[in-house]
Amino acid sequence: MKISCFQNAIDRLRGKKKLKIYPPYYNERIPLKAEYPDVYNAAGRKMEMFFLRDRHFSTAPYGTFPTRFLWDRFNYGLDTHFYTGKSACETMGTPKRQYAWLLEPRIKQPQDYERFEKDKALAEKFDCVLTYDERLLDRLDNAFFFPGCAFSWVSESDADIWQRKSKNVSILSSRKKMCPLHCLRIALAQKCKREGLADAFGTFDGGKP
């Protein structure tokens, strides 16, 4: 609580406005249906829709604009469900199939992994547990090797960023220090920038040119 109040005070001093967000409404008496509208990709192929309960990439509700399916974060009536991280404890509806998906590494979100290690029944709720964690792959019968990945945060508004490149190799790093590899990435970016080994972009040094 104290940390939250302190952060709110800092945000006010910085002039940062906090969004007022309301949770979606559900009718608890009437279950949602598995139907969804016909949506087609650029090639004319009909796209599927999967229900997603997630907080890890909640800033990108559609992900990287997939071409074969779309995430639906509201309709738990859909036949296929995905639950990321701690959302595995928040299953909804009666889907035909549902999958747990562990995205963040154990070093960042150890509690997500410990839940599955301590509660065997949790894993049994899912058709499959998607993970790249060696311990869970060895322990859970329904664990499936699924390496995580991330997309580039360079948006179309930064489309001319390549014009500032002077070398064939670039490094893009944020200032996050949430795990040892974040710190290593920052150190590499600083070295590349300091010694002119590669073009370095990002907020690792305050976003200085």
C-alpha atoms as a PDB file:
ATOM      1  CA  MET A   1       0.000   0.000   0.000  1.00  0.00           C
ATOM      2  CA  LYS A   2       2.818   2.390   0.923  1.00  0.00           C
ATOM      3  CA  ILE A   3       4.656   1.601  -2.307  1.00  0.00           C
ATOM      4  CA  SER A   4       1.498   2.255  -4.311  1.00  0.00           C
ATOM      5  CA  CYS A   5       0.931   5.642  -2.630  1.00  0.00           C
ATOM      6  CA  PHE A   6       4.573   6.576  -3.170  1.00  0.00           C
ATOM      7  CA  GLN A   7       4.376   5.639  -6.858  1.00  0.00           C
ATOM      8  CA  ASN A   8       1.143   7.623  -7.261  1.00  0.00           C
ATOM      9  CA  ALA A   9       2.847  10.690  -5.763  1.00  0.00           C
ATOM     10  CA  ILE A  10       5.766  10.352  -8.197  1.00  0.00           C
ATOM     11  CA  ASP A  11       3.362  10.007 -11.124  1.00  0.00           C
ATOM     12  CA  ARG A  12       1.529  13.176 -10.081  1.00  0.00           C
ATOM     13  CA  LEU A  13       4.794  15.122  -9.864  1.00  0.00           C
ATOM     14  CA  ARG A  14       5.699  13.927 -13.349  1.00  0.00           C
ATOM     15  CA  GLY A  15       2.291  14.927 -14.653  1.00  0.00           C
ATOM     16  CA  LYS A  16       1.527  11.343 -15.531  1.00  0.00           C
ATOM     17  CA  LYS A  17      -2.196  10.631 -15.773  1.00  0.00           C
ATOM     18  CA  LYS A  18      -3.542   7.321 -14.569  1.00  0.00           C
ATOM     19  CA  LEU A  19      -6.106   5.649 -16.815  1.00  0.00           C
ATOM     20  CA  LYS A  20      -9.467   4.851 -15.310  1.00  0.00           C
ATOM     21  CA  ILE A  21     -10.265   1.326 -16.459  1.00  0.00           C
ATOM     22  CA  TYR A  22     -13.394  -0.663 -15.699  1.00  0.00           C
ATOM     23  CA  PRO A  23     -13.620  -4.483 -15.875  1.00  0.00           C
ATOM     24  CA  PRO A  24     -15.997  -5.972 -18.464  1.00  0.00           C
ATOM     25  CA  TYR A  25     -19.568  -6.866 -17.583  1.00  0.00           C
ATOM     26  CA  TYR A  26     -20.716 -10.492 -17.629  1.00  0.00           C
ATOM     27  CA  ASN A  27     -24.203 -11.909 -17.176  1.00  0.00           C
ATOM     28  CA  GLU A  28     -23.614 -14.687 -14.663  1.00  0.00           C
ATOM     29  CA  ARG A  29     -26.989 -16.312 -15.371  1.00  0.00           C
ATOM     30  CA  ILE A  30     -26.571 -16.726 -19.125  1.00  0.00           C
ATOM     31  CA  PRO A  31     -23.397 -18.447 -20.431  1.00  0.00           C
ATOM     32  CA  LEU A  32     -21.709 -17.078 -23.525  1.00  0.00           C
ATOM     33  CA  LYS A  33     -21.832 -19.025 -26.790  1.00  0.00           C
ATOM     34  CA  ALA A  34     -18.951 -20.382 -28.845  1.00  0.00           C
ATOM     35  CA  GLU A  35     -20.059 -18.468 -31.923  1.00  0.00           C
ATOM     36  CA  TYR A  36     -17.934 -15.682 -33.369  1.00  0.00           C
ATOM     37  CA  PRO A  37     -18.145 -13.496 -36.484  1.00  0.00           C
ATOM     38  CA  ASP A  38     -16.489 -14.408 -39.760  1.00  0.00           C
ATOM     39  CA  VAL A  39     -13.172 -12.565 -39.986  1.00  0.00           C
ATOM     40  CA  TYR A  40     -10.798 -13.161 -42.896  1.00  0.00           C
ATOM     41  CA  ASN A  41      -7.111 -12.391 -43.305  1.00  0.00           C
ATOM     42  CA  ALA A  42      -5.568 -10.627 -46.298  1.00  0.00           C
ATOM     43  CA  ALA A  43      -5.289 -13.955 -48.148  1.00  0.00           C
ATOM     44  CA  GLY A  44      -9.021 -14.596 -47.765  1.00  0.00           C
ATOM     45  CA  ARG A  45      -8.640 -17.318 -45.147  1.00  0.00           C
ATOM     46  CA  LYS A  46     -11.125 -17.400 -42.286  1.00  0.00           C
ATOM     47  CA  MET A  47      -9.462 -16.754 -38.935  1.00  0.00           C
ATOM     48  CA  GLU A  48     -10.223 -18.659 -35.750  1.00  0.00           C
ATOM     49  CA  MET A  49     -10.795 -16.992 -32.386  1.00  0.00           C
ATOM     50  CA  PHE A  50      -9.355 -18.203 -29.089  1.00  0.00           C
ATOM     51  CA  PHE A  51     -10.216 -16.972 -25.604  1.00  0.00           C
ATOM     52  CA  LEU A  52      -7.217 -15.527 -23.772  1.00  0.00           C
ATOM     53  CA  ARG A  53      -6.953 -14.804 -20.055  1.00  0.00           C
ATOM     54  CA  ASP A  54      -3.680 -12.946 -19.667  1.00  0.00           C
ATOM     55  CA  ARG A  55      -1.792 -10.090 -18.080  1.00  0.00           C
ATOM     56  CA  HIS A  56       1.707 -10.553 -19.528  1.00  0.00           C
ATOM     57  CA  PHE A  57       0.994  -8.910 -22.872  1.00  0.00           C
ATOM     58  CA  SER A  58      -2.182  -7.085 -21.936  1.00  0.00           C
ATOM     59  CA  THR A  59      -0.714  -3.924 -23.492  1.00  0.00           C
ATOM     60  CA  ALA A  60      -0.994  -5.625 -26.888  1.00  0.00           C
ATOM     61  CA  PRO A  61      -4.506  -7.149 -26.929  1.00  0.00           C
ATOM     62  CA  TYR A  62      -4.083  -8.725 -30.381  1.00  0.00           C
ATOM     63  CA  GLY A  63      -0.409  -9.637 -30.057  1.00  0.00           C
ATOM     64  CA  THR A  64       1.513  -9.209 -33.303  1.00  0.00           C
ATOM     65  CA  PHE A  65      -1.587  -9.230 -35.517  1.00  0.00           C
ATOM     66  CA  PRO A  66      -1.561 -12.976 -36.291  1.00  0.00           C
ATOM     67  CA  THR A  67      -2.768 -14.112 -39.692  1.00  0.00           C
ATOM     68  CA  ARG A  68      -4.509 -17.365 -38.721  1.00  0.00           C
ATOM     69  CA  PHE A  69      -6.347 -16.540 -35.485  1.00  0.00           C
ATOM     70  CA  LEU A  70      -7.359 -13.691 -33.177  1.00  0.00           C
ATOM     71  CA  TRP A  71      -7.300 -13.432 -29.400  1.00  0.00           C
ATOM     72  CA  ASP A  72     -10.620 -12.705 -27.704  1.00  0.00           C
ATOM     73  CA  ARG A  73     -10.176 -11.514 -24.124  1.00  0.00           C
ATOM     74  CA  PHE A  74     -13.891 -11.429 -23.333  1.00  0.00           C
ATOM     75  CA  ASN A  75     -15.804 -14.407 -24.731  1.00  0.00           C
ATOM     76  CA  TYR A  76     -15.103 -17.322 -22.395  1.00  0.00           C
ATOM     77  CA  GLY A  77     -17.765 -19.248 -24.343  1.00  0.00           C
ATOM     78  CA  LEU A  78     -15.271 -20.005 -27.119  1.00  0.00           C
ATOM     79  CA  ASP A  79     -14.160 -23.619 -27.576  1.00  0.00           C
ATOM     80  CA  THR A  80     -10.425 -22.998 -27.112  1.00  0.00           C
ATOM     81  CA  HIS A  81      -8.920 -21.221 -24.095  1.00  0.00           C
ATOM     82  CA  PHE A  82      -5.401 -20.060 -23.222  1.00  0.00           C
ATOM     83  CA  TYR A  83      -4.302 -18.934 -19.747  1.00  0.00           C
ATOM     84  CA  THR A  84      -0.931 -17.311 -19.109  1.00  0.00           C
ATOM     85  CA  GLY A  85       1.010 -17.234 -15.841  1.00  0.00           C
ATOM     86  CA  LYS A  86      -1.083 -16.806 -12.717  1.00  0.00           C
ATOM     87  CA  SER A  87      -4.216 -16.688 -14.869  1.00  0.00           C
ATOM     88  CA  ALA A  88      -4.016 -20.497 -14.856  1.00  0.00           C
ATOM     89  CA  CYS A  89      -5.879 -20.233 -11.544  1.00  0.00           C
ATOM     90  CA  GLU A  90      -8.677 -18.233 -13.182  1.00  0.00           C
ATOM     91  CA  THR A  91     -10.213 -20.683 -15.651  1.00  0.00           C
ATOM     92  CA  MET A  92     -13.693 -19.783 -16.889  1.00  0.00           C
ATOM     93  CA  GLY A  93     -16.527 -21.490 -18.740  1.00  0.00           C
ATOM     94  CA  THR A  94     -16.582 -25.025 -20.151  1.00  0.00           C
ATOM     95  CA  PRO A  95     -14.327 -25.011 -23.238  1.00  0.00           C
ATOM     96  CA  LYS A  96     -13.634 -28.085 -25.337  1.00  0.00           C
ATOM     97  CA  ARG A  97      -9.914 -27.574 -24.765  1.00  0.00           C
ATOM     98  CA  GLN A  98      -7.784 -25.289 -22.614  1.00  0.00           C
ATOM     99  CA  TYR A  99      -4.069 -24.648 -22.315  1.00  0.00           C
ATOM    100  CA  ALA A 100      -1.836 -23.130 -19.657  1.00  0.00           C
ATOM    101  CA  TRP A 101       0.943 -21.007 -21.125  1.00  0.00           C
ATOM    102  CA  LEU A 102       3.985 -20.035 -19.063  1.00  0.00           C
ATOM    103  CA  LEU A 103       5.568 -17.093 -20.837  1.00  0.00           C
ATOM    104  CA  GLU A 104       7.792 -15.309 -18.344  1.00  0.00           C
ATOM    105  CA  PRO A 105      10.928 -17.145 -17.150  1.00  0.00           C
ATOM    106  CA  ARG A 106      11.074 -18.788 -13.740  1.00  0.00           C
ATOM    107  CA  ILE A 107      13.571 -16.230 -12.473  1.00  0.00           C
ATOM    108  CA  LYS A 108      11.036 -13.427 -13.021  1.00  0.00           C
ATOM    109  CA  GLN A 109       7.802 -15.199 -12.052  1.00  0.00           C
ATOM    110  CA  PRO A 110       8.818 -18.121  -9.794  1.00  0.00           C
ATOM    111  CA  GLN A 111       5.359 -18.284  -8.213  1.00  0.00           C
ATOM    112  CA  ASP A 112       3.775 -19.247 -11.541  1.00  0.00           C
ATOM    113  CA  TYR A 113       5.988 -22.324 -11.742  1.00  0.00           C
ATOM    114  CA  GLU A 114       5.721 -23.199  -8.055  1.00  0.00           C
ATOM    115  CA  ARG A 115       1.932 -23.405  -8.357  1.00  0.00           C
ATOM    116  CA  PHE A 116       2.229 -26.219 -10.881  1.00  0.00           C
ATOM    117  CA  GLU A 117       4.939 -27.981  -8.864  1.00  0.00           C
ATOM    118  CA  LYS A 118       2.920 -27.910  -5.641  1.00  0.00           C
ATOM    119  CA  ASP A 119      -0.528 -28.602  -7.085  1.00  0.00           C
ATOM    120  CA  LYS A 120      -0.658 -31.540  -9.487  1.00  0.00           C
ATOM    121  CA  ALA A 121      -4.411 -31.048  -9.931  1.00  0.00           C
ATOM    122  CA  LEU A 122      -3.780 -27.622 -11.453  1.00  0.00           C
ATOM    123  CA  ALA A 123      -1.886 -29.101 -14.401  1.00  0.00           C
ATOM    124  CA  GLU A 124      -4.542 -31.797 -14.839  1.00  0.00           C
ATOM    125  CA  LYS A 125      -7.152 -29.102 -15.547  1.00  0.00           C
ATOM    126  CA  PHE A 126      -5.426 -28.369 -18.844  1.00  0.00           C
ATOM    127  CA  ASP A 127      -5.039 -30.362 -22.024  1.00  0.00           C
ATOM    128  CA  CYS A 128      -1.484 -29.115 -22.187  1.00  0.00           C
ATOM    129  CA  VAL A 129       0.935 -26.888 -20.258  1.00  0.00           C
ATOM    130  CA  LEU A 130       3.018 -24.891 -22.732  1.00  0.00           C
ATOM    131  CA  THR A 131       6.443 -24.150 -21.284  1.00  0.00           C
ATOM    132  CA  TYR A 132      10.174 -24.144 -21.924  1.00  0.00           C
ATOM    133  CA  ASP A 133      11.025 -24.788 -18.264  1.00  0.00           C
ATOM    134  CA  GLU A 134      13.112 -27.947 -17.915  1.00  0.00           C
ATOM    135  CA  ARG A 135      11.826 -28.836 -14.457  1.00  0.00           C
ATOM    136  CA  LEU A 136       8.175 -28.672 -15.458  1.00  0.00           C
ATOM    137  CA  LEU A 137       8.846 -30.571 -18.676  1.00  0.00           C
ATOM    138  CA  ASP A 138      10.341 -33.401 -16.603  1.00  0.00           C
ATOM    139  CA  ARG A 139       7.668 -33.318 -13.908  1.00  0.00           C
ATOM    140  CA  LEU A 140       4.364 -32.813 -15.725  1.00  0.00           C
ATOM    141  CA  ASP A 141       2.956 -35.519 -17.989  1.00  0.00           C
ATOM    142  CA  ASN A 142       1.090 -32.970 -20.103  1.00  0.00           C
ATOM    143  CA  ALA A 143       3.871 -30.380 -20.359  1.00  0.00           C
ATOM    144  CA  PHE A 144       4.784 -29.495 -23.937  1.00  0.00           C
ATOM    145  CA  PHE A 145       8.001 -27.763 -24.985  1.00  0.00           C
ATOM    146  CA  PHE A 146       7.018 -24.358 -26.284  1.00  0.00           C
ATOM    147  CA  PRO A 147       9.850 -21.789 -26.402  1.00  0.00           C
ATOM    148  CA  GLY A 148       8.843 -18.236 -25.630  1.00  0.00           C
ATOM    149  CA  CYS A 149       9.573 -15.365 -27.937  1.00  0.00           C
ATOM    150  CA  ALA A 150       8.979 -11.643 -28.179  1.00  0.00           C
ATOM    151  CA  PHE A 151       8.292  -9.273 -31.006  1.00  0.00           C
ATOM    152  CA  SER A 152      10.092  -6.017 -31.743  1.00  0.00           C
ATOM    153  CA  TRP A 153       8.767  -2.933 -29.992  1.00  0.00           C
ATOM    154  CA  VAL A 154       9.768  -0.799 -32.977  1.00  0.00           C
ATOM    155  CA  SER A 155       6.449   0.482 -34.277  1.00  0.00           C
ATOM    156  CA  GLU A 156       5.420   1.957 -37.602  1.00  0.00           C
ATOM    157  CA  SER A 157       5.898   5.401 -36.078  1.00  0.00           C
ATOM    158  CA  ASP A 158       9.622   4.520 -35.853  1.00  0.00           C
ATOM    159  CA  ALA A 159       9.739   3.306 -39.442  1.00  0.00           C
ATOM    160  CA  ASP A 160      12.624   5.647 -40.317  1.00  0.00           C
ATOM    161  CA  ILE A 161      14.844   4.348 -37.512  1.00  0.00           C
ATOM    162  CA  TRP A 162      16.970   2.444 -40.038  1.00  0.00           C
ATOM    163  CA  GLN A 163      18.137   5.762 -41.490  1.00  0.00           C
ATOM    164  CA  ARG A 164      20.049   6.429 -38.270  1.00  0.00           C
ATOM    165  CA  LYS A 165      21.945   3.171 -38.564  1.00  0.00           C
ATOM    166  CA  SER A 166      25.597   3.320 -39.509  1.00  0.00           C
ATOM    167  CA  LYS A 167      26.567  -0.325 -38.931  1.00  0.00           C
ATOM    168  CA  ASN A 168      25.284  -3.723 -40.019  1.00  0.00           C
ATOM    169  CA  VAL A 169      24.628  -4.791 -36.435  1.00  0.00           C
ATOM    170  CA  SER A 170      22.296  -3.115 -33.940  1.00  0.00           C
ATOM    171  CA  ILE A 171      21.287  -3.709 -30.339  1.00  0.00           C
ATOM    172  CA  LEU A 172      17.991  -2.600 -28.855  1.00  0.00           C
ATOM    173  CA  SER A 173      17.749  -2.553 -25.051  1.00  0.00           C
ATOM    174  CA  SER A 174      15.409  -1.167 -22.430  1.00  0.00           C
ATOM    175  CA  ARG A 175      16.512  -0.107 -18.944  1.00  0.00           C
ATOM    176  CA  LYS A 176      14.699  -2.987 -17.241  1.00  0.00           C
ATOM    177  CA  LYS A 177      16.727  -4.841 -14.587  1.00  0.00           C
ATOM    178  CA  MET A 178      14.266  -7.509 -13.539  1.00  0.00           C
ATOM    179  CA  CYS A 179      16.641 -10.447 -13.995  1.00  0.00           C
ATOM    180  CA  PRO A 180      20.391 -11.084 -14.527  1.00  0.00           C
ATOM    181  CA  LEU A 181      20.047 -11.300 -18.311  1.00  0.00           C
ATOM    182  CA  HIS A 182      18.444  -7.845 -18.369  1.00  0.00           C
ATOM    183  CA  CYS A 183      21.569  -6.513 -16.657  1.00  0.00           C
ATOM    184  CA  LEU A 184      23.767  -8.363 -19.142  1.00  0.00           C
ATOM    185  CA  ARG A 185      21.818  -6.869 -22.040  1.00  0.00           C
ATOM    186  CA  ILE A 186      22.308  -3.352 -20.664  1.00  0.00           C
ATOM    187  CA  ALA A 187      26.037  -3.984 -20.198  1.00  0.00           C
ATOM    188  CA  LEU A 188      26.315  -5.221 -23.802  1.00  0.00           C
ATOM    189  CA  ALA A 189      24.410  -2.204 -25.119  1.00  0.00           C
ATOM    190  CA  GLN A 190      26.621   0.170 -23.144  1.00  0.00           C
ATOM    191  CA  LYS A 191      29.782  -1.520 -24.418  1.00  0.00           C
ATOM    192  CA  CYS A 192      28.547  -1.492 -28.030  1.00  0.00           C
ATOM    193  CA  LYS A 193      27.693   2.187 -27.805  1.00  0.00           C
ATOM    194  CA  ARG A 194      30.842   3.187 -25.935  1.00  0.00           C
ATOM    195  CA  GLU A 195      33.207   1.350 -28.272  1.00  0.00           C
ATOM    196  CA  GLY A 196      31.253   1.893 -31.492  1.00  0.00           C
ATOM    197  CA  LEU A 197      30.731  -1.833 -32.040  1.00  0.00           C
ATOM    198  CA  ALA A 198      27.069  -1.524 -33.032  1.00  0.00           C
ATOM    199  CA  ASP A 199      24.282   1.007 -33.255  1.00  0.00           C
ATOM    200  CA  ALA A 200      22.552   1.032 -29.865  1.00  0.00           C
ATOM    201  CA  PHE A 201      18.912   2.016 -29.426  1.00  0.00           C
ATOM    202  CA  GLY A 202      16.566   2.081 -26.450  1.00  0.00           C
ATOM    203  CA  THR A 203      16.218   3.495 -22.955  1.00  0.00           C
ATOM    204  CA  PHE A 204      19.146   1.636 -21.370  1.00  0.00           C
ATOM    205  CA  ASP A 205      21.050   4.925 -20.982  1.00  0.00           C
ATOM    206  CA  GLY A 206      18.083   7.242 -20.745  1.00  0.00           C
ATOM    207  CA  GLY A 207      17.465   7.214 -24.484  1.00  0.00           C
ATOM    208  CA  LYS A 208      20.432   9.455 -25.233  1.00  0.00           C
ATOM    209  CA  PRO A 209      21.378   9.699 -28.933  1.00  0.00           C
END
